[in-house]
């Protein structure tokens, strides 16, 4: 899994501003749910290029600290470059299932679109809870229902239509593994958190055109990027055309370009 995300780390870094802009409001809500404020000690797990951690750094200031953690070296390097000059930040190479931190090290643990890829999701939450101080808060962002995220779901649907089989295949990692709010709540509770709440937030994405949409999204969706890279050029082009046809049905008018619907879930809970 780390190799897959490492392979798309350059694209994530290059498009970090777009990603952070798309998720700005939702990220603010996640930080609120995690209780991140001035002086907080925070770790962002599965940090990618560090968007949520950078937003947290603006809140905690030099009186606090932010650690960016990811198991993909390219992502850690990107987060390190983006946080350069902020002396109260640091980076660590590690996965979310085994954290190299002492018990009760942080006031808040953040994970933006990473929990759904954990092999044992409740265990990953429990490991995050271990490094929280008593009363500390964990907040995770996941994608909402696939049907409410056409900007991503339709790219996967185009591959499914091309081969006549679901993509990703059953049992494979999928960005929509925690699209159900009740399941997401259950995962946090099984991980040992209390006072768990899950909120859904509308998060549309805007782009210049459908062609830009197709150019951008496959670069960022790790499983899709790897699959497309292994296909013959004519197969990729066929999927491209299918995606554009599907995308036309989901476009929302937007100033200067197009928009597609999006939905995220934010789940947060407290360590007793």
C-alpha atoms as a PDB file:
ATOM      1  CA  UNK A   1       0.000   0.000   0.000  1.00  0.00           C
ATOM      2  CA  UNK A   2       2.800   2.446   0.846  1.00  0.00           C
ATOM      3  CA  UNK A   3       4.426   1.802  -2.545  1.00  0.00           C
ATOM      4  CA  UNK A   4       1.167   2.651  -4.297  1.00  0.00           C
ATOM      5  CA  UNK A   5       0.805   5.993  -2.516  1.00  0.00           C
ATOM      6  CA  UNK A   6       4.502   6.719  -2.923  1.00  0.00           C
ATOM      7  CA  UNK A   7       4.056   6.358  -6.684  1.00  0.00           C
ATOM      8  CA  UNK A   8       1.528   9.212  -6.755  1.00  0.00           C
ATOM      9  CA  UNK A   9       3.227  11.440  -4.170  1.00  0.00           C
ATOM     10  CA  UNK A  10       4.594  13.868  -6.780  1.00  0.00           C
ATOM     11  CA  UNK A  11       1.111  14.406  -8.196  1.00  0.00           C
ATOM     12  CA  UNK A  12      -0.290  14.964  -4.707  1.00  0.00           C
ATOM     13  CA  UNK A  13       2.375  17.531  -3.932  1.00  0.00           C
ATOM     14  CA  UNK A  14       1.894  19.295  -7.262  1.00  0.00           C
ATOM     15  CA  UNK A  15      -1.852  19.513  -6.687  1.00  0.00           C
ATOM     16  CA  UNK A  16      -1.773  20.147  -2.943  1.00  0.00           C
ATOM     17  CA  UNK A  17      -3.269  23.626  -3.267  1.00  0.00           C
ATOM     18  CA  UNK A  18      -6.191  22.255  -5.269  1.00  0.00           C
ATOM     19  CA  UNK A  19      -6.803  19.463  -2.733  1.00  0.00           C
ATOM     20  CA  UNK A  20      -6.568  21.796   0.250  1.00  0.00           C
ATOM     21  CA  UNK A  21      -8.878  24.318  -1.413  1.00  0.00           C
ATOM     22  CA  UNK A  22     -11.434  21.640  -2.221  1.00  0.00           C
ATOM     23  CA  UNK A  23     -11.429  20.457   1.405  1.00  0.00           C
ATOM     24  CA  UNK A  24     -10.827  23.766   3.204  1.00  0.00           C
ATOM     25  CA  UNK A  25     -14.233  24.073   4.866  1.00  0.00           C
ATOM     26  CA  UNK A  26     -14.402  20.386   5.752  1.00  0.00           C
ATOM     27  CA  UNK A  27     -10.874  20.470   7.162  1.00  0.00           C
ATOM     28  CA  UNK A  28     -11.776  23.394   9.379  1.00  0.00           C
ATOM     29  CA  UNK A  29     -14.727  21.417  10.682  1.00  0.00           C
ATOM     30  CA  UNK A  30     -12.452  18.441  11.331  1.00  0.00           C
ATOM     31  CA  UNK A  31     -10.030  20.583  13.329  1.00  0.00           C
ATOM     32  CA  UNK A  32     -12.951  21.944  15.343  1.00  0.00           C
ATOM     33  CA  UNK A  33     -14.148  18.400  16.034  1.00  0.00           C
ATOM     34  CA  UNK A  34     -10.643  17.462  17.196  1.00  0.00           C
ATOM     35  CA  UNK A  35     -10.463  20.466  19.509  1.00  0.00           C
ATOM     36  CA  UNK A  36      -7.321  21.809  17.834  1.00  0.00           C
ATOM     37  CA  UNK A  37      -6.366  25.207  19.199  1.00  0.00           C
ATOM     38  CA  UNK A  38      -3.420  27.326  20.275  1.00  0.00           C
ATOM     39  CA  UNK A  39      -0.788  25.230  22.020  1.00  0.00           C
ATOM     40  CA  UNK A  40      -2.216  21.848  20.992  1.00  0.00           C
ATOM     41  CA  UNK A  41       0.121  18.954  20.240  1.00  0.00           C
ATOM     42  CA  UNK A  42      -1.186  17.337  17.046  1.00  0.00           C
ATOM     43  CA  UNK A  43      -0.261  14.449  14.784  1.00  0.00           C
ATOM     44  CA  UNK A  44      -1.645  14.022  11.273  1.00  0.00           C
ATOM     45  CA  UNK A  45      -1.651  10.357  10.221  1.00  0.00           C
ATOM     46  CA  UNK A  46      -1.619   9.237   6.567  1.00  0.00           C
ATOM     47  CA  UNK A  47      -0.720  12.875   6.027  1.00  0.00           C
ATOM     48  CA  UNK A  48       0.011  12.861   2.307  1.00  0.00           C
ATOM     49  CA  UNK A  49       1.484  16.279   1.522  1.00  0.00           C
ATOM     50  CA  UNK A  50       0.238  17.501   4.895  1.00  0.00           C
ATOM     51  CA  UNK A  51      -2.838  19.558   4.148  1.00  0.00           C
ATOM     52  CA  UNK A  52      -4.670  18.965   7.418  1.00  0.00           C
ATOM     53  CA  UNK A  53      -1.478  19.318   9.427  1.00  0.00           C
ATOM     54  CA  UNK A  54      -0.675  22.632   7.763  1.00  0.00           C
ATOM     55  CA  UNK A  55      -4.148  23.885   8.673  1.00  0.00           C
ATOM     56  CA  UNK A  56      -3.567  22.669  12.231  1.00  0.00           C
ATOM     57  CA  UNK A  57      -0.208  24.465  12.375  1.00  0.00           C
ATOM     58  CA  UNK A  58      -1.965  27.773  11.715  1.00  0.00           C
ATOM     59  CA  UNK A  59      -4.055  27.157  14.826  1.00  0.00           C
ATOM     60  CA  UNK A  60      -1.553  25.696  17.279  1.00  0.00           C
ATOM     61  CA  UNK A  61       1.278  28.160  16.618  1.00  0.00           C
ATOM     62  CA  UNK A  62       4.759  27.909  18.168  1.00  0.00           C
ATOM     63  CA  UNK A  63       3.270  27.062  21.571  1.00  0.00           C
ATOM     64  CA  UNK A  64       2.093  23.734  20.170  1.00  0.00           C
ATOM     65  CA  UNK A  65       3.449  21.131  17.781  1.00  0.00           C
ATOM     66  CA  UNK A  66       2.428  19.276  14.633  1.00  0.00           C
ATOM     67  CA  UNK A  67       3.829  15.933  13.494  1.00  0.00           C
ATOM     68  CA  UNK A  68       3.246  14.775   9.910  1.00  0.00           C
ATOM     69  CA  UNK A  69       3.226  10.965   9.652  1.00  0.00           C
ATOM     70  CA  UNK A  70       2.856   8.738   6.586  1.00  0.00           C
ATOM     71  CA  UNK A  71       4.200   5.370   5.443  1.00  0.00           C
ATOM     72  CA  UNK A  72       4.997   6.637   1.927  1.00  0.00           C
ATOM     73  CA  UNK A  73       8.438   8.312   1.843  1.00  0.00           C
ATOM     74  CA  UNK A  74       7.428  10.633  -0.996  1.00  0.00           C
ATOM     75  CA  UNK A  75       4.466  11.921   0.981  1.00  0.00           C
ATOM     76  CA  UNK A  76       6.602  12.536   4.078  1.00  0.00           C
ATOM     77  CA  UNK A  77       9.128  14.413   1.947  1.00  0.00           C
ATOM     78  CA  UNK A  78       6.339  16.544   0.476  1.00  0.00           C
ATOM     79  CA  UNK A  79       4.966  17.401   3.928  1.00  0.00           C
ATOM     80  CA  UNK A  80       8.471  18.281   5.088  1.00  0.00           C
ATOM     81  CA  UNK A  81       8.964  20.670   2.161  1.00  0.00           C
ATOM     82  CA  UNK A  82       5.585  22.306   2.697  1.00  0.00           C
ATOM     83  CA  UNK A  83       6.195  22.825   6.430  1.00  0.00           C
ATOM     84  CA  UNK A  84       9.773  24.088   6.048  1.00  0.00           C
ATOM     85  CA  UNK A  85      10.425  27.044   8.311  1.00  0.00           C
ATOM     86  CA  UNK A  86       7.871  26.021  10.927  1.00  0.00           C
ATOM     87  CA  UNK A  87      10.142  24.981  13.791  1.00  0.00           C
ATOM     88  CA  UNK A  88       7.292  23.434  15.753  1.00  0.00           C
ATOM     89  CA  UNK A  89       6.591  20.841  13.050  1.00  0.00           C
ATOM     90  CA  UNK A  90       8.299  17.529  12.299  1.00  0.00           C
ATOM     91  CA  UNK A  91       7.854  14.466  10.085  1.00  0.00           C
ATOM     92  CA  UNK A  92       7.844  10.726  10.789  1.00  0.00           C
ATOM     93  CA  UNK A  93       7.774   7.764   8.406  1.00  0.00           C
ATOM     94  CA  UNK A  94       5.223   5.309   9.790  1.00  0.00           C
ATOM     95  CA  UNK A  95       1.862   3.705   9.078  1.00  0.00           C
ATOM     96  CA  UNK A  96      -1.263   4.318  11.099  1.00  0.00           C
ATOM     97  CA  UNK A  97      -1.325   0.751  12.446  1.00  0.00           C
ATOM     98  CA  UNK A  98       1.904   1.051  14.469  1.00  0.00           C
ATOM     99  CA  UNK A  99       2.892   4.484  15.734  1.00  0.00           C
ATOM    100  CA  UNK A 100       6.413   5.206  17.063  1.00  0.00           C
ATOM    101  CA  UNK A 101       5.120   7.532  19.768  1.00  0.00           C
ATOM    102  CA  UNK A 102       4.854   7.101  23.509  1.00  0.00           C
ATOM    103  CA  UNK A 103       1.485   6.728  25.175  1.00  0.00           C
ATOM    104  CA  UNK A 104      -0.389   9.979  25.804  1.00  0.00           C
ATOM    105  CA  UNK A 105       1.787  12.124  23.517  1.00  0.00           C
ATOM    106  CA  UNK A 106      -0.853  14.235  21.760  1.00  0.00           C
ATOM    107  CA  UNK A 107      -3.930  16.352  22.348  1.00  0.00           C
ATOM    108  CA  UNK A 108      -5.353  15.534  18.915  1.00  0.00           C
ATOM    109  CA  UNK A 109      -4.949  12.945  16.173  1.00  0.00           C
ATOM    110  CA  UNK A 110      -6.092  13.835  12.651  1.00  0.00           C
ATOM    111  CA  UNK A 111      -6.482  11.608   9.630  1.00  0.00           C
ATOM    112  CA  UNK A 112      -7.879  12.975   6.385  1.00  0.00           C
ATOM    113  CA  UNK A 113      -8.893  10.252   3.939  1.00  0.00           C
ATOM    114  CA  UNK A 114      -6.606   7.568   5.320  1.00  0.00           C
ATOM    115  CA  UNK A 115      -8.643   5.505   7.775  1.00  0.00           C
ATOM    116  CA  UNK A 116     -10.601   3.798   4.986  1.00  0.00           C
ATOM    117  CA  UNK A 117      -7.375   2.213   3.737  1.00  0.00           C
ATOM    118  CA  UNK A 118      -6.367   0.691   7.103  1.00  0.00           C
ATOM    119  CA  UNK A 119      -6.363  -3.103   7.009  1.00  0.00           C
ATOM    120  CA  UNK A 120      -7.844  -3.345  10.529  1.00  0.00           C
ATOM    121  CA  UNK A 121      -9.734  -0.106  10.996  1.00  0.00           C
ATOM    122  CA  UNK A 122     -10.776  -0.416  14.688  1.00  0.00           C
ATOM    123  CA  UNK A 123      -7.209  -1.450  15.551  1.00  0.00           C
ATOM    124  CA  UNK A 124      -5.868   1.630  13.765  1.00  0.00           C
ATOM    125  CA  UNK A 125      -8.219   3.826  15.798  1.00  0.00           C
ATOM    126  CA  UNK A 126      -7.164   2.056  19.007  1.00  0.00           C
ATOM    127  CA  UNK A 127      -3.503   2.703  18.172  1.00  0.00           C
ATOM    128  CA  UNK A 128      -4.294   6.386  17.630  1.00  0.00           C
ATOM    129  CA  UNK A 129      -6.222   6.469  20.923  1.00  0.00           C
ATOM    130  CA  UNK A 130      -3.153   5.051  22.686  1.00  0.00           C
ATOM    131  CA  UNK A 131      -1.088   8.127  21.835  1.00  0.00           C
ATOM    132  CA  UNK A 132      -3.832  10.546  22.894  1.00  0.00           C
ATOM    133  CA  UNK A 133      -3.778  12.132  26.314  1.00  0.00           C
ATOM    134  CA  UNK A 134      -6.842  11.501  28.483  1.00  0.00           C
ATOM    135  CA  UNK A 135      -9.618  13.638  27.034  1.00  0.00           C
ATOM    136  CA  UNK A 136      -7.702  14.029  23.769  1.00  0.00           C
ATOM    137  CA  UNK A 137      -9.653  13.832  20.543  1.00  0.00           C
ATOM    138  CA  UNK A 138      -9.399  11.831  17.332  1.00  0.00           C
ATOM    139  CA  UNK A 139     -10.986  13.101  14.110  1.00  0.00           C
ATOM    140  CA  UNK A 140     -11.166  11.281  10.779  1.00  0.00           C
ATOM    141  CA  UNK A 141     -12.452  12.465   7.425  1.00  0.00           C
ATOM    142  CA  UNK A 142     -13.715   9.898   4.922  1.00  0.00           C
ATOM    143  CA  UNK A 143     -15.585  10.166   1.649  1.00  0.00           C
ATOM    144  CA  UNK A 144     -19.361   9.956   1.916  1.00  0.00           C
ATOM    145  CA  UNK A 145     -21.503   7.789  -0.312  1.00  0.00           C
ATOM    146  CA  UNK A 146     -19.997   6.965  -3.695  1.00  0.00           C
ATOM    147  CA  UNK A 147     -23.222   8.119  -5.346  1.00  0.00           C
ATOM    148  CA  UNK A 148     -22.744  11.553  -3.762  1.00  0.00           C
ATOM    149  CA  UNK A 149     -19.140  11.845  -4.962  1.00  0.00           C
ATOM    150  CA  UNK A 150     -19.436  11.643  -8.759  1.00  0.00           C
ATOM    151  CA  UNK A 151     -16.163  13.549  -9.209  1.00  0.00           C
ATOM    152  CA  UNK A 152     -14.398  10.397  -7.933  1.00  0.00           C
ATOM    153  CA  UNK A 153     -16.967   7.641  -8.287  1.00  0.00           C
ATOM    154  CA  UNK A 154     -17.485   8.180 -12.012  1.00  0.00           C
ATOM    155  CA  UNK A 155     -13.796   7.669 -12.757  1.00  0.00           C
ATOM    156  CA  UNK A 156     -14.061   4.272 -11.082  1.00  0.00           C
ATOM    157  CA  UNK A 157     -17.344   3.561 -12.873  1.00  0.00           C
ATOM    158  CA  UNK A 158     -15.635   4.164 -16.241  1.00  0.00           C
ATOM    159  CA  UNK A 159     -13.130   1.406 -15.483  1.00  0.00           C
ATOM    160  CA  UNK A 160     -15.921  -0.885 -14.274  1.00  0.00           C
ATOM    161  CA  UNK A 161     -17.853  -0.361 -17.515  1.00  0.00           C
ATOM    162  CA  UNK A 162     -14.775  -0.968 -19.655  1.00  0.00           C
ATOM    163  CA  UNK A 163     -14.119  -4.390 -18.150  1.00  0.00           C
ATOM    164  CA  UNK A 164     -17.626  -5.359 -17.059  1.00  0.00           C
ATOM    165  CA  UNK A 165     -16.543  -5.938 -13.473  1.00  0.00           C
ATOM    166  CA  UNK A 166     -16.515  -3.745 -10.337  1.00  0.00           C
ATOM    167  CA  UNK A 167     -13.516  -1.485  -9.790  1.00  0.00           C
ATOM    168  CA  UNK A 168     -11.875  -1.637  -7.354  1.00  0.00           C
ATOM    169  CA  UNK A 169     -12.583  -5.386  -7.240  1.00  0.00           C
ATOM    170  CA  UNK A 170     -14.292  -6.870  -4.153  1.00  0.00           C
ATOM    171  CA  UNK A 171     -11.871  -7.076  -1.249  1.00  0.00           C
ATOM    172  CA  UNK A 172      -9.446  -4.515  -2.670  1.00  0.00           C
ATOM    173  CA  UNK A 173      -8.790  -1.170  -0.931  1.00  0.00           C
ATOM    174  CA  UNK A 174     -11.389   1.411  -1.895  1.00  0.00           C
ATOM    175  CA  UNK A 175     -11.829   5.101  -1.019  1.00  0.00           C
ATOM    176  CA  UNK A 176     -15.478   4.363  -0.175  1.00  0.00           C
ATOM    177  CA  UNK A 177     -14.840   1.648   2.417  1.00  0.00           C
ATOM    178  CA  UNK A 178     -16.222   3.938   5.154  1.00  0.00           C
ATOM    179  CA  UNK A 179     -18.938   5.750   3.217  1.00  0.00           C
ATOM    180  CA  UNK A 180     -21.602   4.576   5.694  1.00  0.00           C
ATOM    181  CA  UNK A 181     -21.912   6.889   8.723  1.00  0.00           C
ATOM    182  CA  UNK A 182     -23.087   4.118  11.037  1.00  0.00           C
ATOM    183  CA  UNK A 183     -20.141   1.906  10.107  1.00  0.00           C
ATOM    184  CA  UNK A 184     -17.735   4.791  10.598  1.00  0.00           C
ATOM    185  CA  UNK A 185     -19.183   5.491  14.049  1.00  0.00           C
ATOM    186  CA  UNK A 186     -18.878   1.813  14.931  1.00  0.00           C
ATOM    187  CA  UNK A 187     -15.207   1.741  13.909  1.00  0.00           C
ATOM    188  CA  UNK A 188     -14.353   4.641  16.236  1.00  0.00           C
ATOM    189  CA  UNK A 189     -16.306   3.141  19.108  1.00  0.00           C
ATOM    190  CA  UNK A 190     -14.691  -0.270  18.648  1.00  0.00           C
ATOM    191  CA  UNK A 191     -11.345   1.560  18.724  1.00  0.00           C
ATOM    192  CA  UNK A 192     -12.119   2.692  22.271  1.00  0.00           C
ATOM    193  CA  UNK A 193     -13.330   6.248  21.726  1.00  0.00           C
ATOM    194  CA  UNK A 194     -16.363   7.715  23.466  1.00  0.00           C
ATOM    195  CA  UNK A 195     -18.795  10.533  22.650  1.00  0.00           C
ATOM    196  CA  UNK A 196     -18.421   9.685  18.971  1.00  0.00           C
ATOM    197  CA  UNK A 197     -20.229  11.915  16.498  1.00  0.00           C
ATOM    198  CA  UNK A 198     -20.363  11.739  12.706  1.00  0.00           C
ATOM    199  CA  UNK A 199     -21.322  14.677  10.501  1.00  0.00           C
ATOM    200  CA  UNK A 200     -21.794  14.838   6.734  1.00  0.00           C
ATOM    201  CA  UNK A 201     -20.498  17.895   4.894  1.00  0.00           C
ATOM    202  CA  UNK A 202     -21.160  18.888   1.295  1.00  0.00           C
ATOM    203  CA  UNK A 203     -17.819  19.316  -0.463  1.00  0.00           C
ATOM    204  CA  UNK A 204     -18.208  19.963  -4.200  1.00  0.00           C
ATOM    205  CA  UNK A 205     -15.150  20.179  -6.380  1.00  0.00           C
ATOM    206  CA  UNK A 206     -14.645  22.759  -9.121  1.00  0.00           C
ATOM    207  CA  UNK A 207     -12.384  22.506 -12.172  1.00  0.00           C
ATOM    208  CA  UNK A 208     -11.887  24.235 -15.506  1.00  0.00           C
ATOM    209  CA  UNK A 209     -13.353  21.458 -17.650  1.00  0.00           C
ATOM    210  CA  UNK A 210     -14.163  17.769 -17.883  1.00  0.00           C
ATOM    211  CA  UNK A 211     -10.827  17.171 -19.583  1.00  0.00           C
ATOM    212  CA  UNK A 212      -9.044  18.751 -16.624  1.00  0.00           C
ATOM    213  CA  UNK A 213     -11.139  16.575 -14.297  1.00  0.00           C
ATOM    214  CA  UNK A 214     -10.049  13.407 -16.074  1.00  0.00           C
ATOM    215  CA  UNK A 215      -6.426  14.546 -16.202  1.00  0.00           C
ATOM    216  CA  UNK A 216      -6.330  15.361 -12.483  1.00  0.00           C
ATOM    217  CA  UNK A 217      -8.331  12.742 -10.604  1.00  0.00           C
ATOM    218  CA  UNK A 218      -6.605   9.583 -11.896  1.00  0.00           C
ATOM    219  CA  UNK A 219      -3.262  11.090 -10.828  1.00  0.00           C
ATOM    220  CA  UNK A 220      -4.466  11.328  -7.236  1.00  0.00           C
ATOM    221  CA  UNK A 221      -6.539   8.166  -6.841  1.00  0.00           C
ATOM    222  CA  UNK A 222      -3.757   5.706  -6.016  1.00  0.00           C
ATOM    223  CA  UNK A 223      -5.463   2.414  -6.988  1.00  0.00           C
ATOM    224  CA  UNK A 224      -6.782   3.956 -10.213  1.00  0.00           C
ATOM    225  CA  UNK A 225      -3.433   5.501 -11.140  1.00  0.00           C
ATOM    226  CA  UNK A 226      -1.656   2.165 -10.738  1.00  0.00           C
ATOM    227  CA  UNK A 227      -4.327   0.301 -12.727  1.00  0.00           C
ATOM    228  CA  UNK A 228      -4.331   2.791 -15.611  1.00  0.00           C
ATOM    229  CA  UNK A 229      -0.555   2.802 -15.819  1.00  0.00           C
ATOM    230  CA  UNK A 230      -0.594  -0.954 -16.461  1.00  0.00           C
ATOM    231  CA  UNK A 231      -3.114  -0.735 -19.336  1.00  0.00           C
ATOM    232  CA  UNK A 232      -2.514  -0.429 -23.058  1.00  0.00           C
ATOM    233  CA  UNK A 233      -2.901   3.124 -24.452  1.00  0.00           C
ATOM    234  CA  UNK A 234      -6.036   2.253 -26.426  1.00  0.00           C
ATOM    235  CA  UNK A 235      -7.699   0.837 -23.297  1.00  0.00           C
ATOM    236  CA  UNK A 236      -6.842   3.962 -21.321  1.00  0.00           C
ATOM    237  CA  UNK A 237      -8.310   6.120 -24.082  1.00  0.00           C
ATOM    238  CA  UNK A 238     -11.504   4.057 -24.127  1.00  0.00           C
ATOM    239  CA  UNK A 239     -11.847   4.535 -20.361  1.00  0.00           C
ATOM    240  CA  UNK A 240     -11.148   8.247 -20.838  1.00  0.00           C
ATOM    241  CA  UNK A 241     -14.031   8.575 -23.305  1.00  0.00           C
ATOM    242  CA  UNK A 242     -16.359   6.576 -21.053  1.00  0.00           C
ATOM    243  CA  UNK A 243     -15.450   8.856 -18.149  1.00  0.00           C
ATOM    244  CA  UNK A 244     -16.184  12.006 -20.139  1.00  0.00           C
ATOM    245  CA  UNK A 245     -19.571  10.623 -21.174  1.00  0.00           C
ATOM    246  CA  UNK A 246     -20.430   9.757 -17.572  1.00  0.00           C
ATOM    247  CA  UNK A 247     -19.078  13.066 -16.338  1.00  0.00           C
ATOM    248  CA  UNK A 248     -21.337  15.146 -18.576  1.00  0.00           C
ATOM    249  CA  UNK A 249     -24.355  13.832 -16.661  1.00  0.00           C
ATOM    250  CA  UNK A 250     -22.924  14.995 -13.327  1.00  0.00           C
ATOM    251  CA  UNK A 251     -21.655  18.477 -14.186  1.00  0.00           C
ATOM    252  CA  UNK A 252     -22.988  21.424 -12.209  1.00  0.00           C
ATOM    253  CA  UNK A 253     -22.723  24.938 -13.628  1.00  0.00           C
ATOM    254  CA  UNK A 254     -19.968  26.940 -11.952  1.00  0.00           C
ATOM    255  CA  UNK A 255     -18.370  30.326 -12.688  1.00  0.00           C
ATOM    256  CA  UNK A 256     -15.438  29.875 -15.062  1.00  0.00           C
ATOM    257  CA  UNK A 257     -15.627  26.094 -15.243  1.00  0.00           C
ATOM    258  CA  UNK A 258     -17.496  23.079 -13.949  1.00  0.00           C
ATOM    259  CA  UNK A 259     -18.368  21.605 -10.583  1.00  0.00           C
ATOM    260  CA  UNK A 260     -19.249  18.134  -9.402  1.00  0.00           C
ATOM    261  CA  UNK A 261     -20.940  17.121  -6.196  1.00  0.00           C
ATOM    262  CA  UNK A 262     -18.933  15.853  -3.269  1.00  0.00           C
ATOM    263  CA  UNK A 263     -19.613  14.642   0.247  1.00  0.00           C
ATOM    264  CA  UNK A 264     -17.355  13.862   3.203  1.00  0.00           C
ATOM    265  CA  UNK A 265     -17.999  12.388   6.620  1.00  0.00           C
ATOM    266  CA  UNK A 266     -16.223  13.717   9.680  1.00  0.00           C
ATOM    267  CA  UNK A 267     -16.119  11.378  12.652  1.00  0.00           C
ATOM    268  CA  UNK A 268     -14.672  12.434  15.987  1.00  0.00           C
ATOM    269  CA  UNK A 269     -14.418  10.897  19.419  1.00  0.00           C
ATOM    270  CA  UNK A 270     -12.656  11.340  22.737  1.00  0.00           C
ATOM    271  CA  UNK A 271     -10.208   9.162  24.631  1.00  0.00           C
ATOM    272  CA  UNK A 272     -11.746   8.518  28.088  1.00  0.00           C
END
